[in-house]
């Protein structure tokens, strides 16, 4: 397990992703929540703030990118299917190039 964490930390460092805190150009911190956690069939991502161009990327624990199709279910609210994923931890990366924001969120697929 320790080796996986080292590999993940290295992979995220190379890609410039922060696990701690996102930064936006205007000094505004995004309020982003992901639920349910642990997830079985889907996750819901709630993005509060001025992040109209939010994009999502899903990575496995070892850094493999996975294909996702976020479905907008409300203003700033997205549903992402995870039922076909293997059980384990994943990282959802929320980014907005215009706001210079990029942050990873960990969740468990049960």
Protein backbone atom coordinates (compact mmCIF):
# COMPACT_ATOMS: atom_id res chain seq x y z
CA UNK A 1 0.00 0.00 0.00
CA UNK A 2 2.85 2.38 0.84
CA UNK A 3 4.30 1.89 -2.66
CA UNK A 4 0.95 2.80 -4.24
CA UNK A 5 0.81 6.01 -2.23
CA UNK A 6 4.36 6.92 -3.23
CA UNK A 7 3.57 6.25 -6.91
CA UNK A 8 0.32 8.25 -6.69
CA UNK A 9 2.01 11.19 -4.98
CA UNK A 10 4.73 11.20 -7.61
CA UNK A 11 2.21 10.95 -10.48
CA UNK A 12 0.11 13.81 -9.10
CA UNK A 13 3.21 15.95 -8.49
CA UNK A 14 4.29 15.47 -12.11
CA UNK A 15 0.86 16.52 -13.37
CA UNK A 16 0.77 19.60 -11.12
CA UNK A 17 -2.30 18.51 -9.16
CA UNK A 18 -2.70 19.49 -5.55
CA UNK A 19 -4.44 17.21 -3.08
CA UNK A 20 -4.52 19.90 -0.44
CA UNK A 21 -6.05 23.08 -1.81
CA UNK A 22 -7.08 24.53 -5.15
CA UNK A 23 -6.18 28.03 -6.22
CA UNK A 24 -8.31 30.31 -8.33
CA UNK A 25 -7.14 33.37 -10.18
CA UNK A 26 -9.36 35.80 -8.25
CA UNK A 27 -8.40 34.41 -4.84
CA UNK A 28 -11.81 32.74 -4.54
CA UNK A 29 -11.79 29.23 -3.13
CA UNK A 30 -14.21 26.81 -4.77
CA UNK A 31 -16.73 25.04 -2.58
CA UNK A 32 -16.86 21.57 -4.08
CA UNK A 33 -18.51 18.55 -2.52
CA UNK A 34 -18.64 14.96 -3.69
CA UNK A 35 -21.23 12.53 -2.34
CA UNK A 36 -22.10 9.79 -1.53
CA UNK A 37 -18.73 8.62 -0.30
CA UNK A 38 -18.35 5.65 -0.47
CA UNK A 39 -20.19 5.43 -3.78
CA UNK A 40 -21.85 2.40 -5.35
CA UNK A 41 -23.53 3.49 -8.59
CA UNK A 42 -22.73 7.19 -9.01
CA UNK A 43 -21.23 10.26 -7.40
CA UNK A 44 -22.73 13.72 -7.36
CA UNK A 45 -20.38 16.69 -7.65
CA UNK A 46 -21.66 20.03 -6.37
CA UNK A 47 -19.60 23.01 -7.57
CA UNK A 48 -20.44 26.27 -5.81
CA UNK A 49 -18.93 29.50 -7.05
CA UNK A 50 -18.17 31.01 -10.43
CA UNK A 51 -16.81 27.90 -12.16
CA UNK A 52 -18.88 27.83 -15.34
CA UNK A 53 -16.12 26.03 -17.28
CA UNK A 54 -15.52 23.24 -14.75
CA UNK A 55 -14.09 20.06 -16.25
CA UNK A 56 -13.73 16.65 -14.62
CA UNK A 57 -11.08 13.96 -14.92
CA UNK A 58 -11.12 10.60 -13.12
CA UNK A 59 -7.92 8.79 -12.15
CA UNK A 60 -7.40 5.44 -10.51
CA UNK A 61 -5.23 5.11 -7.42
CA UNK A 62 -2.19 4.36 -9.60
CA UNK A 63 -2.80 7.33 -11.89
CA UNK A 64 -4.60 5.77 -14.86
CA UNK A 65 -7.08 8.13 -16.52
CA UNK A 66 -10.60 6.73 -16.86
CA UNK A 67 -13.33 7.83 -19.26
CA UNK A 68 -16.31 9.56 -17.65
CA UNK A 69 -19.38 11.37 -18.93
CA UNK A 70 -20.59 13.90 -16.36
CA UNK A 71 -24.31 14.55 -16.60
CA UNK A 72 -25.44 18.02 -15.52
CA UNK A 73 -28.44 17.56 -13.21
CA UNK A 74 -28.75 21.14 -11.99
CA UNK A 75 -26.91 24.41 -11.73
CA UNK A 76 -23.37 23.47 -10.71
CA UNK A 77 -24.44 19.88 -9.98
CA UNK A 78 -23.13 16.88 -11.93
CA UNK A 79 -23.76 13.14 -11.75
CA UNK A 80 -20.97 10.72 -12.72
CA UNK A 81 -21.61 6.99 -13.11
CA UNK A 82 -19.11 4.77 -11.25
CA UNK A 83 -21.03 1.46 -11.10
CA UNK A 84 -18.74 -0.22 -13.67
CA UNK A 85 -15.54 0.68 -11.79
CA UNK A 86 -13.70 -1.83 -9.63
CA UNK A 87 -13.88 -1.40 -5.88
CA UNK A 88 -11.18 0.95 -4.61
CA UNK A 89 -10.10 4.54 -4.21
CA UNK A 90 -10.28 7.03 -7.08
CA UNK A 91 -9.37 10.68 -7.58
CA UNK A 92 -11.78 13.06 -9.25
CA UNK A 93 -9.93 16.09 -10.56
CA UNK A 94 -11.99 19.26 -10.88
CA UNK A 95 -10.39 21.96 -12.98
CA UNK A 96 -11.20 25.27 -14.59
CA UNK A 97 -8.46 26.56 -16.87
CA UNK A 98 -9.94 30.06 -17.04
CA UNK A 99 -9.91 30.42 -13.24
CA UNK A 100 -6.57 28.58 -12.94
CA UNK A 101 -8.14 26.08 -10.57
CA UNK A 102 -7.22 22.41 -10.26
CA UNK A 103 -7.89 20.17 -7.29
CA UNK A 104 -8.15 16.42 -6.69
CA UNK A 105 -10.79 14.82 -4.49
CA UNK A 106 -10.52 11.24 -3.24
CA UNK A 107 -13.53 8.94 -2.99
CA UNK A 108 -14.14 5.25 -2.41
CA UNK A 109 -16.03 3.13 -4.92
CA UNK A 110 -17.68 0.32 -2.95
